[in-house]
PDB file of all heavy atoms in Angstrom:
ATOM      1  N   ARG A   1       0.823  -1.212   0.000  1.00  0.00           N
ATOM      2  CA  ARG A   1       0.000   0.000   0.000  1.00  0.00           C
ATOM      3  C   ARG A   1       0.857   1.262   0.000  1.00  0.00           C
ATOM      4  O   ARG A   1       0.326   2.365   0.025  1.00  0.00           O
ATOM      5  CB  ARG A   1      -0.911   0.016   1.232  1.00  0.00           C
ATOM      6  CG  ARG A   1      -1.839  -1.181   1.312  1.00  0.00           C
ATOM      7  CD  ARG A   1      -2.646  -1.149   2.590  1.00  0.00           C
ATOM      8  NE  ARG A   1      -3.539   0.002   2.622  1.00  0.00           N
ATOM      9  CZ  ARG A   1      -3.854   0.664   3.725  1.00  0.00           C
ATOM     10  NH1 ARG A   1      -3.307   0.329   4.881  1.00  0.00           N
ATOM     11  NH2 ARG A   1      -4.678   1.690   3.679  1.00  0.00           N
ATOM     12  N   GLY A   2       2.178   1.088   0.004  1.00  0.00           N
ATOM     13  CA  GLY A   2       3.029   2.244   0.123  1.00  0.00           C
ATOM     14  C   GLY A   2       3.457   2.836  -1.201  1.00  0.00           C
ATOM     15  O   GLY A   2       3.028   3.924  -1.583  1.00  0.00           O
ATOM     16  N   PHE A   3       4.292   2.112  -1.955  1.00  0.00           N
ATOM     17  CA  PHE A   3       4.923   2.702  -3.136  1.00  0.00           C
ATOM     18  C   PHE A   3       5.098   1.753  -4.304  1.00  0.00           C
ATOM     19  O   PHE A   3       5.653   2.147  -5.322  1.00  0.00           O
ATOM     20  CB  PHE A   3       6.301   3.258  -2.745  1.00  0.00           C
ATOM     21  CG  PHE A   3       7.165   2.251  -2.022  1.00  0.00           C
ATOM     22  CD1 PHE A   3       7.906   1.320  -2.731  1.00  0.00           C
ATOM     23  CD2 PHE A   3       7.229   2.224  -0.645  1.00  0.00           C
ATOM     24  CE1 PHE A   3       8.693   0.382  -2.081  1.00  0.00           C
ATOM     25  CE2 PHE A   3       8.014   1.287   0.024  1.00  0.00           C
ATOM     26  CZ  PHE A   3       8.751   0.364  -0.704  1.00  0.00           C
ATOM     27  N   CYS A   4       4.648   0.501  -4.203  1.00  0.00           N
ATOM     28  CA  CYS A   4       4.824  -0.451  -5.300  1.00  0.00           C
ATOM     29  C   CYS A   4       4.034   0.039  -6.525  1.00  0.00           C
ATOM     30  O   CYS A   4       2.802   0.124  -6.481  1.00  0.00           O
ATOM     31  CB  CYS A   4       4.344  -1.837  -4.895  1.00  0.00           C
ATOM     32  SG  CYS A   4       4.472  -3.057  -6.240  1.00  0.00           S
ATOM     33  N   PRO A   5       4.708   0.367  -7.634  1.00  0.00           N
ATOM     34  CA  PRO A   5       3.981   0.882  -8.802  1.00  0.00           C
ATOM     35  C   PRO A   5       3.011  -0.126  -9.395  1.00  0.00           C
ATOM     36  O   PRO A   5       1.936   0.247  -9.864  1.00  0.00           O
ATOM     37  CB  PRO A   5       5.099   1.235  -9.794  1.00  0.00           C
ATOM     38  CG  PRO A   5       6.336   1.381  -8.967  1.00  0.00           C
ATOM     39  CD  PRO A   5       6.166   0.404  -7.848  1.00  0.00           C
ATOM     40  N   SER A   6       3.379  -1.408  -9.393  1.00  0.00           N
ATOM     41  CA  SER A   6       2.529  -2.427  -9.998  1.00  0.00           C
ATOM     42  C   SER A   6       1.251  -2.632  -9.184  1.00  0.00           C
ATOM     43  O   SER A   6       0.145  -2.561  -9.713  1.00  0.00           O
ATOM     44  CB  SER A   6       3.301  -3.742 -10.126  1.00  0.00           C
ATOM     45  OG  SER A   6       2.464  -4.770 -10.603  1.00  0.00           O
ATOM     46  N   CYS A   7       1.396  -2.873  -7.880  1.00  0.00           N
ATOM     47  CA  CYS A   7       0.217  -3.103  -7.043  1.00  0.00           C
ATOM     48  C   CYS A   7      -0.619  -1.845  -6.909  1.00  0.00           C
ATOM     49  O   CYS A   7      -1.849  -1.895  -6.914  1.00  0.00           O
ATOM     50  CB  CYS A   7       0.654  -3.608  -5.676  1.00  0.00           C
ATOM     51  SG  CYS A   7       1.447  -5.238  -5.720  1.00  0.00           S
ATOM     52  N   GLY A   8       0.058  -0.692  -6.804  1.00  0.00           N
ATOM     53  CA  GLY A   8      -0.678   0.561  -6.722  1.00  0.00           C
ATOM     54  C   GLY A   8      -1.443   0.864  -7.997  1.00  0.00           C
ATOM     55  O   GLY A   8      -2.567   1.355  -7.954  1.00  0.00           O
ATOM     56  N   GLY A   9      -0.828   0.575  -9.148  1.00  0.00           N
ATOM     57  CA  GLY A   9      -1.509   0.809 -10.417  1.00  0.00           C
ATOM     58  C   GLY A   9      -2.710  -0.098 -10.611  1.00  0.00           C
ATOM     59  O   GLY A   9      -3.765   0.340 -11.108  1.00  0.00           O
ATOM     60  N   ARG A  10      -2.571  -1.359 -10.214  1.00  0.00           N
ATOM     61  CA  ARG A  10      -3.708  -2.278 -10.349  1.00  0.00           C
ATOM     62  C   ARG A  10      -4.840  -1.872  -9.401  1.00  0.00           C
ATOM     63  O   ARG A  10      -6.023  -1.886  -9.779  1.00  0.00           O
ATOM     64  CB  ARG A  10      -3.252  -3.707 -10.044  1.00  0.00           C
ATOM     65  CG  ARG A  10      -4.361  -4.746 -10.210  1.00  0.00           C
ATOM     66  CD  ARG A  10      -3.854  -6.159 -10.071  1.00  0.00           C
ATOM     67  NE  ARG A  10      -3.231  -6.377  -8.790  1.00  0.00           N
ATOM     68  CZ  ARG A  10      -1.919  -6.529  -8.598  1.00  0.00           C
ATOM     69  NH1 ARG A  10      -1.095  -6.448  -9.621  1.00  0.00           N
ATOM     70  NH2 ARG A  10      -1.423  -6.725  -7.394  1.00  0.00           N
ATOM     71  N   ARG A  11      -4.490  -1.527  -8.173  1.00  0.00           N
ATOM     72  CA  ARG A  11      -5.519  -1.094  -7.217  1.00  0.00           C
ATOM     73  C   ARG A  11      -6.215   0.170  -7.718  1.00  0.00           C
ATOM     74  O   ARG A  11      -7.435   0.316  -7.587  1.00  0.00           O
ATOM     75  CB  ARG A  11      -4.863  -0.851  -5.856  1.00  0.00           C
ATOM     76  CG  ARG A  11      -5.850  -0.553  -4.743  1.00  0.00           C
ATOM     77  CD  ARG A  11      -5.130  -0.305  -3.421  1.00  0.00           C
ATOM     78  NE  ARG A  11      -4.374  -1.476  -3.007  1.00  0.00           N
ATOM     79  CZ  ARG A  11      -3.053  -1.535  -2.957  1.00  0.00           C
ATOM     80  NH1 ARG A  11      -2.327  -0.494  -3.326  1.00  0.00           N
ATOM     81  NH2 ARG A  11      -2.445  -2.628  -2.573  1.00  0.00           N
ATOM     82  N   MET A  12      -5.443   1.089  -8.298  1.00  0.00           N
ATOM     83  CA  MET A  12      -6.010   2.314  -8.854  1.00  0.00           C
ATOM     84  C   MET A  12      -7.046   2.006  -9.927  1.00  0.00           C
ATOM     85  O   MET A  12      -8.165   2.538  -9.906  1.00  0.00           O
ATOM     86  CB  MET A  12      -4.888   3.169  -9.448  1.00  0.00           C
ATOM     87  CG  MET A  12      -5.330   4.337 -10.296  1.00  0.00           C
ATOM     88  SD  MET A  12      -3.966   5.044 -11.251  1.00  0.00           S
ATOM     89  CE  MET A  12      -3.730   3.720 -12.475  1.00  0.00           C
ATOM     90  N   ALA A  13      -6.692   1.139 -10.882  1.00  0.00           N
ATOM     91  CA  ALA A  13      -7.603   0.833 -11.982  1.00  0.00           C
ATOM     92  C   ALA A  13      -8.858   0.123 -11.482  1.00  0.00           C
ATOM     93  O   ALA A  13      -9.983   0.440 -11.913  1.00  0.00           O
ATOM     94  CB  ALA A  13      -6.879  -0.026 -13.011  1.00  0.00           C
ATOM     95  N   GLU A  14      -8.691  -0.814 -10.557  1.00  0.00           N
ATOM     96  CA  GLU A  14      -9.843  -1.564 -10.055  1.00  0.00           C
ATOM     97  C   GLU A  14     -10.802  -0.665  -9.281  1.00  0.00           C
ATOM     98  O   GLU A  14     -12.021  -0.721  -9.459  1.00  0.00           O
ATOM     99  CB  GLU A  14      -9.361  -2.712  -9.169  1.00  0.00           C
ATOM    100  CG  GLU A  14      -8.639  -3.822  -9.943  1.00  0.00           C
ATOM    101  CD  GLU A  14      -8.054  -4.867  -9.010  1.00  0.00           C
ATOM    102  OE1 GLU A  14      -8.024  -4.620  -7.777  1.00  0.00           O
ATOM    103  OE2 GLU A  14      -7.611  -5.921  -9.509  1.00  0.00           O
ATOM    104  N   ARG A  15     -10.258   0.188  -8.416  1.00  0.00           N
ATOM    105  CA  ARG A  15     -11.120   1.040  -7.602  1.00  0.00           C
ATOM    106  C   ARG A  15     -11.798   2.114  -8.438  1.00  0.00           C
ATOM    107  O   ARG A  15     -12.969   2.453  -8.197  1.00  0.00           O
ATOM    108  CB  ARG A  15     -10.302   1.670  -6.474  1.00  0.00           C
ATOM    109  CG  ARG A  15      -9.937   0.673  -5.371  1.00  0.00           C
ATOM    110  CD  ARG A  15      -9.155   1.331  -4.261  1.00  0.00           C
ATOM    111  NE  ARG A  15      -8.972   0.427  -3.133  1.00  0.00           N
ATOM    112  CZ  ARG A  15      -8.253   0.720  -2.053  1.00  0.00           C
ATOM    113  NH1 ARG A  15      -7.660   1.903  -1.965  1.00  0.00           N
ATOM    114  NH2 ARG A  15      -8.130  -0.149  -1.073  1.00  0.00           N
ATOM    115  N   ALA A  16     -11.070   2.673  -9.397  1.00  0.00           N
ATOM    116  CA  ALA A  16     -11.687   3.692 -10.254  1.00  0.00           C
ATOM    117  C   ALA A  16     -12.848   3.092 -11.042  1.00  0.00           C
ATOM    118  O   ALA A  16     -13.917   3.706 -11.153  1.00  0.00           O
ATOM    119  CB  ALA A  16     -10.640   4.278 -11.195  1.00  0.00           C
ATOM    120  N   ALA A  17     -12.647   1.899 -11.603  1.00  0.00           N
ATOM    121  CA  ALA A  17     -13.724   1.245 -12.347  1.00  0.00           C
ATOM    122  C   ALA A  17     -14.908   0.939 -11.437  1.00  0.00           C
ATOM    123  O   ALA A  17     -16.074   1.095 -11.833  1.00  0.00           O
ATOM    124  CB  ALA A  17     -13.200  -0.032 -12.994  1.00  0.00           C
ATOM    125  N   HIS A  18     -14.628   0.518 -10.199  1.00  0.00           N
ATOM    126  CA  HIS A  18     -15.715   0.213  -9.258  1.00  0.00           C
ATOM    127  C   HIS A  18     -16.515   1.463  -8.924  1.00  0.00           C
ATOM    128  O   HIS A  18     -17.762   1.427  -8.882  1.00  0.00           O
ATOM    129  CB  HIS A  18     -15.136  -0.401  -7.980  1.00  0.00           C
ATOM    130  CG  HIS A  18     -16.140  -0.563  -6.885  1.00  0.00           C
ATOM    131  ND1 HIS A  18     -17.120  -1.534  -6.902  1.00  0.00           N
ATOM    132  CD2 HIS A  18     -16.343   0.147  -5.737  1.00  0.00           C
ATOM    133  CE1 HIS A  18     -17.877  -1.432  -5.821  1.00  0.00           C
ATOM    134  NE2 HIS A  18     -17.424  -0.419  -5.102  1.00  0.00           N
ATOM    135  N   LEU A  19     -15.835   2.580  -8.677  1.00  0.00           N
ATOM    136  CA  LEU A  19     -16.540   3.811  -8.334  1.00  0.00           C
ATOM    137  C   LEU A  19     -17.450   4.270  -9.469  1.00  0.00           C
ATOM    138  O   LEU A  19     -18.581   4.694  -9.237  1.00  0.00           O
ATOM    139  CB  LEU A  19     -15.532   4.909  -7.991  1.00  0.00           C
ATOM    140  CG  LEU A  19     -14.740   4.736  -6.691  1.00  0.00           C
ATOM    141  CD1 LEU A  19     -13.726   5.864  -6.534  1.00  0.00           C
ATOM    142  CD2 LEU A  19     -15.668   4.696  -5.484  1.00  0.00           C
ATOM    143  N   VAL A  20     -16.947   4.178 -10.697  1.00  0.00           N
ATOM    144  CA  VAL A  20     -17.735   4.637 -11.843  1.00  0.00           C
ATOM    145  C   VAL A  20     -18.889   3.681 -12.141  1.00  0.00           C
ATOM    146  O   VAL A  20     -20.010   4.114 -12.435  1.00  0.00           O
ATOM    147  CB  VAL A  20     -16.831   4.809 -13.072  1.00  0.00           C
ATOM    148  CG1 VAL A  20     -17.660   5.133 -14.310  1.00  0.00           C
ATOM    149  CG2 VAL A  20     -15.818   5.922 -12.829  1.00  0.00           C
ATOM    150  N   ASP A  21     -18.647   2.388 -12.058  1.00  0.00           N
ATOM    151  CA  ASP A  21     -19.654   1.405 -12.457  1.00  0.00           C
ATOM    152  C   ASP A  21     -20.681   1.104 -11.368  1.00  0.00           C
ATOM    153  O   ASP A  21     -21.830   0.756 -11.674  1.00  0.00           O
ATOM    154  CB  ASP A  21     -18.987   0.091 -12.870  1.00  0.00           C
ATOM    155  CG  ASP A  21     -18.146   0.238 -14.127  1.00  0.00           C
ATOM    156  OD1 ASP A  21     -18.354   1.223 -14.864  1.00  0.00           O
ATOM    157  OD2 ASP A  21     -17.270  -0.615 -14.363  1.00  0.00           O
ATOM    158  N   HIS A  22     -20.279   1.229 -10.085  1.00  0.00           N
ATOM    159  CA  HIS A  22     -21.148   0.733  -9.017  1.00  0.00           C
ATOM    160  C   HIS A  22     -21.424   1.722  -7.891  1.00  0.00           C
ATOM    161  O   HIS A  22     -22.192   1.390  -6.976  1.00  0.00           O
ATOM    162  CB  HIS A  22     -20.546  -0.535  -8.402  1.00  0.00           C
ATOM    163  CG  HIS A  22     -20.304  -1.633  -9.384  1.00  0.00           C
ATOM    164  ND1 HIS A  22     -21.325  -2.321  -9.996  1.00  0.00           N
ATOM    165  CD2 HIS A  22     -19.143  -2.139  -9.892  1.00  0.00           C
ATOM    166  CE1 HIS A  22     -20.814  -3.227 -10.832  1.00  0.00           C
ATOM    167  NE2 HIS A  22     -19.501  -3.126 -10.795  1.00  0.00           N
ATOM    168  N   VAL A  23     -20.820   2.894  -7.911  1.00  0.00           N
ATOM    169  CA  VAL A  23     -21.000   3.824  -6.791  1.00  0.00           C
ATOM    170  C   VAL A  23     -21.611   5.139  -7.249  1.00  0.00           C
ATOM    171  O   VAL A  23     -22.700   5.515  -6.796  1.00  0.00           O
ATOM    172  CB  VAL A  23     -19.659   4.075  -6.056  1.00  0.00           C
ATOM    173  CG1 VAL A  23     -19.851   5.121  -4.955  1.00  0.00           C
ATOM    174  CG2 VAL A  23     -19.122   2.783  -5.462  1.00  0.00           C
ATOM    175  N   PHE A  24     -20.952   5.860  -8.158  1.00  0.00           N
ATOM    176  CA  PHE A  24     -21.438   7.184  -8.529  1.00  0.00           C
ATOM    177  C   PHE A  24     -22.640   7.079  -9.464  1.00  0.00           C
ATOM    178  O   PHE A  24     -22.578   6.413 -10.500  1.00  0.00           O
ATOM    179  CB  PHE A  24     -20.337   8.006  -9.205  1.00  0.00           C
ATOM    180  CG  PHE A  24     -19.320   8.551  -8.250  1.00  0.00           C
ATOM    181  CD1 PHE A  24     -18.017   8.117  -8.278  1.00  0.00           C
ATOM    182  CD2 PHE A  24     -19.693   9.506  -7.303  1.00  0.00           C
ATOM    183  CE1 PHE A  24     -17.083   8.619  -7.395  1.00  0.00           C
ATOM    184  CE2 PHE A  24     -18.768  10.015  -6.421  1.00  0.00           C
ATOM    185  CZ  PHE A  24     -17.461   9.569  -6.456  1.00  0.00           C
ATOM    186  N   PRO A  25     -23.734   7.744  -9.110  1.00  0.00           N
ATOM    187  CA  PRO A  25     -24.894   7.775 -10.027  1.00  0.00           C
ATOM    188  C   PRO A  25     -24.579   8.652 -11.232  1.00  0.00           C
ATOM    189  O   PRO A  25     -23.563   9.358 -11.272  1.00  0.00           O
ATOM    190  CB  PRO A  25     -26.005   8.395  -9.165  1.00  0.00           C
ATOM    191  CG  PRO A  25     -25.263   9.245  -8.181  1.00  0.00           C
ATOM    192  CD  PRO A  25     -23.968   8.534  -7.889  1.00  0.00           C
ATOM    193  N   ARG A  26     -25.439   8.616 -12.205  1.00  0.00           N
ATOM    194  CA  ARG A  26     -25.215   9.400 -13.431  1.00  0.00           C
ATOM    195  C   ARG A  26     -25.726  10.826 -13.242  1.00  0.00           C
ATOM    196  O   ARG A  26     -26.743  11.237 -13.813  1.00  0.00           O
ATOM    197  CB  ARG A  26     -25.893   8.698 -14.617  1.00  0.00           C
ATOM    198  CG  ARG A  26     -25.231   7.373 -14.948  1.00  0.00           C
ATOM    199  CD  ARG A  26     -25.840   6.680 -16.132  1.00  0.00           C
ATOM    200  NE  ARG A  26     -25.108   5.452 -16.435  1.00  0.00           N
ATOM    201  CZ  ARG A  26     -24.059   5.365 -17.229  1.00  0.00           C
ATOM    202  NH1 ARG A  26     -23.621   6.455 -17.838  1.00  0.00           N
ATOM    203  NH2 ARG A  26     -23.441   4.230 -17.447  1.00  0.00           N
ATOM    204  N   VAL A  27     -24.990  11.539 -12.428  1.00  0.00           N
ATOM    205  CA  VAL A  27     -25.252  12.951 -12.136  1.00  0.00           C
ATOM    206  C   VAL A  27     -23.903  13.664 -12.123  1.00  0.00           C
ATOM    207  O   VAL A  27     -22.856  13.016 -12.095  1.00  0.00           O
ATOM    208  CB  VAL A  27     -25.967  13.115 -10.774  1.00  0.00           C
ATOM    209  CG1 VAL A  27     -27.316  12.419 -10.780  1.00  0.00           C
ATOM    210  CG2 VAL A  27     -25.083  12.593  -9.638  1.00  0.00           C
ATOM    211  N   PRO A  28     -23.890  15.000 -12.151  1.00  0.00           N
ATOM    212  CA  PRO A  28     -22.602  15.706 -12.107  1.00  0.00           C
ATOM    213  C   PRO A  28     -21.835  15.411 -10.816  1.00  0.00           C
ATOM    214  O   PRO A  28     -22.430  15.273  -9.739  1.00  0.00           O
ATOM    215  CB  PRO A  28     -23.000  17.179 -12.189  1.00  0.00           C
ATOM    216  CG  PRO A  28     -24.370  17.183 -12.804  1.00  0.00           C
ATOM    217  CD  PRO A  28     -25.028  15.929 -12.333  1.00  0.00           C
ATOM    218  N   VAL A  29     -20.520  15.304 -10.936  1.00  0.00           N
ATOM    219  CA  VAL A  29     -19.637  15.050  -9.790  1.00  0.00           C
ATOM    220  C   VAL A  29     -18.538  16.112  -9.796  1.00  0.00           C
ATOM    221  O   VAL A  29     -17.869  16.308 -10.814  1.00  0.00           O
ATOM    222  CB  VAL A  29     -19.015  13.637  -9.852  1.00  0.00           C
ATOM    223  CG1 VAL A  29     -18.008  13.447  -8.724  1.00  0.00           C
ATOM    224  CG2 VAL A  29     -20.100  12.569  -9.789  1.00  0.00           C
ATOM    225  N   ARG A  30     -18.367  16.776  -8.660  1.00  0.00           N
ATOM    226  CA  ARG A  30     -17.346  17.830  -8.548  1.00  0.00           C
ATOM    227  C   ARG A  30     -16.216  17.343  -7.646  1.00  0.00           C
ATOM    228  O   ARG A  30     -16.447  16.731  -6.603  1.00  0.00           O
ATOM    229  CB  ARG A  30     -17.951  19.109  -7.976  1.00  0.00           C
ATOM    230  CG  ARG A  30     -16.962  20.291  -7.922  1.00  0.00           C
ATOM    231  CD  ARG A  30     -17.637  21.562  -7.408  1.00  0.00           C
ATOM    232  NE  ARG A  30     -18.682  22.035  -8.314  1.00  0.00           N
ATOM    233  CZ  ARG A  30     -18.461  22.819  -9.360  1.00  0.00           C
ATOM    234  NH1 ARG A  30     -17.220  23.213  -9.649  1.00  0.00           N
ATOM    235  NH2 ARG A  30     -19.474  23.205 -10.121  1.00  0.00           N
ATOM    236  N   GLN A  31     -14.985  17.654  -8.058  1.00  0.00           N
ATOM    237  CA  GLN A  31     -13.824  17.323  -7.225  1.00  0.00           C
ATOM    238  C   GLN A  31     -13.446  18.536  -6.364  1.00  0.00           C
ATOM    239  O   GLN A  31     -13.173  19.616  -6.868  1.00  0.00           O
ATOM    240  CB  GLN A  31     -12.628  16.930  -8.099  1.00  0.00           C
ATOM    241  CG  GLN A  31     -11.383  16.618  -7.284  1.00  0.00           C
ATOM    242  CD  GLN A  31     -10.198  16.206  -8.130  1.00  0.00           C
ATOM    243  OE1 GLN A  31      -9.618  15.149  -7.927  1.00  0.00           O
ATOM    244  NE2 GLN A  31      -9.835  17.025  -9.095  1.00  0.00           N
ATOM    245  N   TRP A  32     -13.413  18.313  -5.039  1.00  0.00           N
ATOM    246  CA  TRP A  32     -12.945  19.306  -4.080  1.00  0.00           C
ATOM    247  C   TRP A  32     -11.605  18.815  -3.535  1.00  0.00           C
ATOM    248  O   TRP A  32     -11.536  17.718  -2.962  1.00  0.00           O
ATOM    249  CB  TRP A  32     -13.929  19.472  -2.926  1.00  0.00           C
ATOM    250  CG  TRP A  32     -15.297  19.990  -3.303  1.00  0.00           C
ATOM    251  CD1 TRP A  32     -16.261  19.324  -3.998  1.00  0.00           C
ATOM    252  CD2 TRP A  32     -15.840  21.268  -2.976  1.00  0.00           C
ATOM    253  NE1 TRP A  32     -17.376  20.113  -4.138  1.00  0.00           N
ATOM    254  CE2 TRP A  32     -17.150  21.310  -3.512  1.00  0.00           C
ATOM    255  CE3 TRP A  32     -15.373  22.377  -2.281  1.00  0.00           C
ATOM    256  CZ2 TRP A  32     -17.989  22.414  -3.377  1.00  0.00           C
ATOM    257  CZ3 TRP A  32     -16.202  23.483  -2.139  1.00  0.00           C
ATOM    258  CH2 TRP A  32     -17.492  23.498  -2.683  1.00  0.00           C
ATOM    259  N   VAL A  33     -10.552  19.598  -3.723  1.00  0.00           N
ATOM    260  CA  VAL A  33      -9.214  19.209  -3.274  1.00  0.00           C
ATOM    261  C   VAL A  33      -8.802  20.143  -2.143  1.00  0.00           C
ATOM    262  O   VAL A  33      -8.711  21.360  -2.332  1.00  0.00           O
ATOM    263  CB  VAL A  33      -8.187  19.278  -4.415  1.00  0.00           C
ATOM    264  CG1 VAL A  33      -6.807  18.832  -3.914  1.00  0.00           C
ATOM    265  CG2 VAL A  33      -8.630  18.404  -5.586  1.00  0.00           C
ATOM    266  N   LEU A  34      -8.551  19.565  -0.968  1.00  0.00           N
ATOM    267  CA  LEU A  34      -8.150  20.344   0.201  1.00  0.00           C
ATOM    268  C   LEU A  34      -6.695  20.049   0.541  1.00  0.00           C
ATOM    269  O   LEU A  34      -6.337  18.908   0.855  1.00  0.00           O
ATOM    270  CB  LEU A  34      -9.037  20.012   1.406  1.00  0.00           C
ATOM    271  CG  LEU A  34      -8.649  20.705   2.715  1.00  0.00           C
ATOM    272  CD1 LEU A  34      -8.868  22.217   2.608  1.00  0.00           C
ATOM    273  CD2 LEU A  34      -9.435  20.127   3.889  1.00  0.00           C
ATOM    274  N   SER A  35      -5.854  21.085   0.474  1.00  0.00           N
ATOM    275  CA  SER A  35      -4.477  21.003   0.945  1.00  0.00           C
ATOM    276  C   SER A  35      -4.384  21.673   2.303  1.00  0.00           C
ATOM    277  O   SER A  35      -5.142  22.613   2.599  1.00  0.00           O
ATOM    278  CB  SER A  35      -3.519  21.674  -0.050  1.00  0.00           C
ATOM    279  OG  SER A  35      -3.574  21.023  -1.306  1.00  0.00           O
ATOM    280  N   LEU A  36      -3.433  21.218   3.125  1.00  0.00           N
ATOM    281  CA  LEU A  36      -3.395  21.602   4.528  1.00  0.00           C
ATOM    282  C   LEU A  36      -2.057  22.230   4.900  1.00  0.00           C
ATOM    283  O   LEU A  36      -1.053  22.023   4.203  1.00  0.00           O
ATOM    284  CB  LEU A  36      -3.653  20.370   5.404  1.00  0.00           C
ATOM    285  CG  LEU A  36      -4.987  19.668   5.129  1.00  0.00           C
ATOM    286  CD1 LEU A  36      -4.934  18.228   5.596  1.00  0.00           C
ATOM    287  CD2 LEU A  36      -6.120  20.414   5.807  1.00  0.00           C
ATOM    288  N   PRO A  37      -1.997  22.965   6.000  1.00  0.00           N
ATOM    289  CA  PRO A  37      -0.714  23.511   6.459  1.00  0.00           C
ATOM    290  C   PRO A  37       0.311  22.396   6.716  1.00  0.00           C
ATOM    291  O   PRO A  37      -0.053  21.269   7.063  1.00  0.00           O
ATOM    292  CB  PRO A  37      -1.085  24.227   7.761  1.00  0.00           C
ATOM    293  CG  PRO A  37      -2.541  24.517   7.646  1.00  0.00           C
ATOM    294  CD  PRO A  37      -3.123  23.385   6.850  1.00  0.00           C
ATOM    295  N   HIS A  38       1.594  22.744   6.580  1.00  0.00           N
ATOM    296  CA  HIS A  38       2.648  21.728   6.670  1.00  0.00           C
ATOM    297  C   HIS A  38       2.626  20.984   8.004  1.00  0.00           C
ATOM    298  O   HIS A  38       2.799  19.758   8.046  1.00  0.00           O
ATOM    299  CB  HIS A  38       4.014  22.384   6.454  1.00  0.00           C
ATOM    300  CG  HIS A  38       4.278  22.733   5.033  1.00  0.00           C
ATOM    301  ND1 HIS A  38       3.668  23.787   4.402  1.00  0.00           N
ATOM    302  CD2 HIS A  38       5.086  22.156   4.100  1.00  0.00           C
ATOM    303  CE1 HIS A  38       4.077  23.856   3.155  1.00  0.00           C
ATOM    304  NE2 HIS A  38       4.937  22.888   2.942  1.00  0.00           N
ATOM    305  N   ARG A  39       2.457  21.699   9.103  1.00  0.00           N
ATOM    306  CA  ARG A  39       2.450  21.046  10.411  1.00  0.00           C
ATOM    307  C   ARG A  39       1.307  20.044  10.503  1.00  0.00           C
ATOM    308  O   ARG A  39       1.462  18.960  11.077  1.00  0.00           O
ATOM    309  CB  ARG A  39       2.309  22.112  11.506  1.00  0.00           C
ATOM    310  CG  ARG A  39       2.182  21.572  12.919  1.00  0.00           C
ATOM    311  CD  ARG A  39       3.397  20.775  13.340  1.00  0.00           C
ATOM    312  NE  ARG A  39       3.275  20.267  14.701  1.00  0.00           N
ATOM    313  CZ  ARG A  39       4.087  19.366  15.230  1.00  0.00           C
ATOM    314  NH1 ARG A  39       5.075  18.888  14.518  1.00  0.00           N
ATOM    315  NH2 ARG A  39       3.918  18.953  16.466  1.00  0.00           N
ATOM    316  N   LEU A  40       0.166  20.368   9.948  1.00  0.00           N
ATOM    317  CA  LEU A  40      -0.978  19.469  10.007  1.00  0.00           C
ATOM    318  C   LEU A  40      -0.770  18.255   9.119  1.00  0.00           C
ATOM    319  O   LEU A  40      -1.190  17.143   9.453  1.00  0.00           O
ATOM    320  CB  LEU A  40      -2.247  20.225   9.606  1.00  0.00           C
ATOM    321  CG  LEU A  40      -3.587  19.532   9.855  1.00  0.00           C
ATOM    322  CD1 LEU A  40      -3.697  19.074  11.296  1.00  0.00           C
ATOM    323  CD2 LEU A  40      -4.735  20.452   9.502  1.00  0.00           C
TER     324      LEU A  40
END
């Protein structure tokens, strides 16, 4: 789960496909990206 490119890439593809096919309804989806202070 740390840095393996092969396992991370496969997990990425599987989860993205699952979210699109089985989780998100066919409505608009907005991405909110929150970055935090360095100490936090």
